[in-house]
Amino acid sequence: MADGIEVDLAALRAAADGLAATGQQFGAAVSGLESTVNGAGNPWGADEAGSLFGAAYVEVLTHALDVFRSMGDQLLETAANLDQGADAYEAIEATNAELFTRMELPGGGAATA
């Protein structure tokens, strides 16, 4: 059993940075994909079969792009949450250290129960 919990703030912040970079890259890739697939026009034609295919294709494509954008947004949100968690932990640690410093007796020893 461990004696305590150690939090590596540098590693936590590095993980947040990595997730943020991945989220930004993912978002750029989705934008590129969207430009590519939308730039093709309507290659399926305007006849009945082409129109049916085109309607289904556009609906599925729209949903897929929405899901992909959401995934990128979730990566960015998770990165922000990791950063906020690191900030909160750091603030709590500073507050705890200050409280323990204030509890010390004039001779330098800590108060004991």
Protein backbone atom coordinates (compact mmCIF):
# COMPACT_ATOMS: atom_id res chain seq x y z
CA MET A 1 0.00 0.00 0.00
CA ALA A 2 1.35 3.42 -0.90
CA ASP A 3 2.10 6.02 1.74
CA GLY A 4 0.54 8.81 -0.27
CA ILE A 5 -0.36 10.13 -3.66
CA GLU A 6 2.15 11.82 -5.88
CA VAL A 7 1.02 13.93 -8.79
CA ASP A 8 3.51 14.78 -11.51
CA LEU A 9 2.24 18.19 -12.59
CA ALA A 10 4.76 18.45 -15.43
CA ALA A 11 3.59 15.12 -16.85
CA LEU A 12 -0.04 16.12 -16.43
CA ARG A 13 0.52 19.41 -18.24
CA ALA A 14 2.55 17.65 -20.97
CA ALA A 15 -0.33 15.21 -21.48
CA ALA A 16 -2.73 18.15 -21.76
CA ASP A 17 -0.46 19.82 -24.32
CA GLY A 18 -0.26 16.59 -26.31
CA LEU A 19 -4.02 16.15 -26.31
CA ALA A 20 -4.53 19.77 -27.34
CA ALA A 21 -2.08 19.39 -30.24
CA THR A 22 -3.80 16.17 -31.31
CA GLY A 23 -7.21 17.85 -31.11
CA GLN A 24 -6.01 20.75 -33.26
CA GLN A 25 -4.42 18.41 -35.81
CA PHE A 26 -7.56 16.30 -35.88
CA GLY A 27 -9.72 19.37 -36.44
CA ALA A 28 -7.48 20.50 -39.31
CA ALA A 29 -7.64 17.02 -40.84
CA VAL A 30 -11.44 17.00 -40.63
CA SER A 31 -11.57 20.42 -42.30
CA GLY A 32 -9.30 19.12 -45.06
CA LEU A 33 -11.45 16.03 -45.48
CA GLU A 34 -14.58 18.14 -45.65
CA SER A 35 -13.07 20.37 -48.34
CA THR A 36 -11.99 17.35 -50.36
CA VAL A 37 -15.30 15.49 -50.27
CA ASN A 38 -17.41 18.59 -50.79
CA GLY A 39 -15.19 19.74 -53.66
CA ALA A 40 -16.07 16.67 -55.71
CA GLY A 41 -19.50 18.03 -56.57
CA ASN A 42 -22.18 15.47 -57.46
CA PRO A 43 -20.36 12.69 -59.30
CA TRP A 44 -23.30 10.31 -58.86
CA GLY A 45 -25.42 12.21 -61.39
CA ALA A 46 -28.91 13.64 -61.41
CA ASP A 47 -30.89 10.57 -62.51
CA GLU A 48 -33.15 8.72 -60.06
CA ALA A 49 -30.49 6.27 -58.85
CA GLY A 50 -27.88 9.01 -58.56
CA SER A 51 -30.27 11.26 -56.67
CA LEU A 52 -31.11 8.49 -54.18
CA PHE A 53 -27.45 7.66 -53.70
CA GLY A 54 -26.55 11.34 -53.40
CA ALA A 55 -29.19 11.98 -50.73
CA ALA A 56 -27.97 9.04 -48.63
CA TYR A 57 -24.33 9.96 -49.18
CA VAL A 58 -24.83 13.57 -48.09
CA GLU A 59 -26.75 12.51 -44.98
CA VAL A 60 -24.10 9.98 -43.93
CA LEU A 61 -21.27 12.38 -44.77
CA THR A 62 -22.85 15.19 -42.76
CA HIS A 63 -23.28 12.90 -39.75
CA ALA A 64 -19.73 11.54 -40.04
CA LEU A 65 -18.20 15.01 -40.24
CA ASP A 66 -20.24 16.12 -37.22
CA VAL A 67 -18.96 13.11 -35.26
CA PHE A 68 -15.36 13.77 -36.34
CA ARG A 69 -15.61 17.46 -35.35
CA SER A 70 -17.07 16.42 -32.00
CA MET A 71 -14.14 14.05 -31.42
CA GLY A 72 -11.67 16.88 -32.01
CA ASP A 73 -13.65 19.14 -29.68
CA GLN A 74 -13.64 16.43 -27.01
CA LEU A 75 -9.86 16.11 -27.24
CA LEU A 76 -9.51 19.88 -26.77
CA GLU A 77 -11.97 19.87 -23.87
CA THR A 78 -10.14 16.98 -22.19
CA ALA A 79 -6.84 18.87 -22.56
CA ALA A 80 -8.39 21.95 -20.96
CA ASN A 81 -9.78 19.82 -18.12
CA LEU A 82 -6.35 18.29 -17.48
CA ASP A 83 -4.83 21.77 -17.32
CA GLN A 84 -7.57 22.93 -14.94
CA GLY A 85 -7.02 19.85 -12.79
CA ALA A 86 -3.29 20.54 -12.61
CA ASP A 87 -3.98 24.18 -11.69
CA ALA A 88 -6.44 23.14 -8.98
CA TYR A 89 -4.06 20.55 -7.55
CA GLU A 90 -1.23 23.06 -7.52
CA ALA A 91 -3.40 25.63 -5.75
CA ILE A 92 -4.54 23.10 -3.14
CA GLU A 93 -0.96 22.03 -2.50
CA ALA A 94 0.12 25.65 -2.03
CA THR A 95 -2.78 26.27 0.36
CA ASN A 96 -1.98 23.10 2.32
CA ALA A 97 1.70 24.01 2.56
CA GLU A 98 0.75 27.48 3.83
CA LEU A 99 -1.60 26.00 6.44
CA PHE A 100 1.05 23.59 7.71
CA THR A 101 3.58 26.44 7.88
CA ARG A 102 1.14 28.51 9.95
CA MET A 103 0.58 25.60 12.37
CA GLU A 104 4.25 25.52 13.36
CA LEU A 105 5.08 26.60 16.89
CA PRO A 106 7.53 29.48 17.54
CA GLY A 107 10.30 26.96 18.28
CA GLY A 108 9.91 25.45 14.81
CA GLY A 109 8.03 22.30 15.79
CA ALA A 110 4.59 21.52 14.48
CA ALA A 111 1.67 21.36 16.83
CA THR A 112 0.75 17.78 17.77
CA ALA A 113 -2.49 16.41 19.11
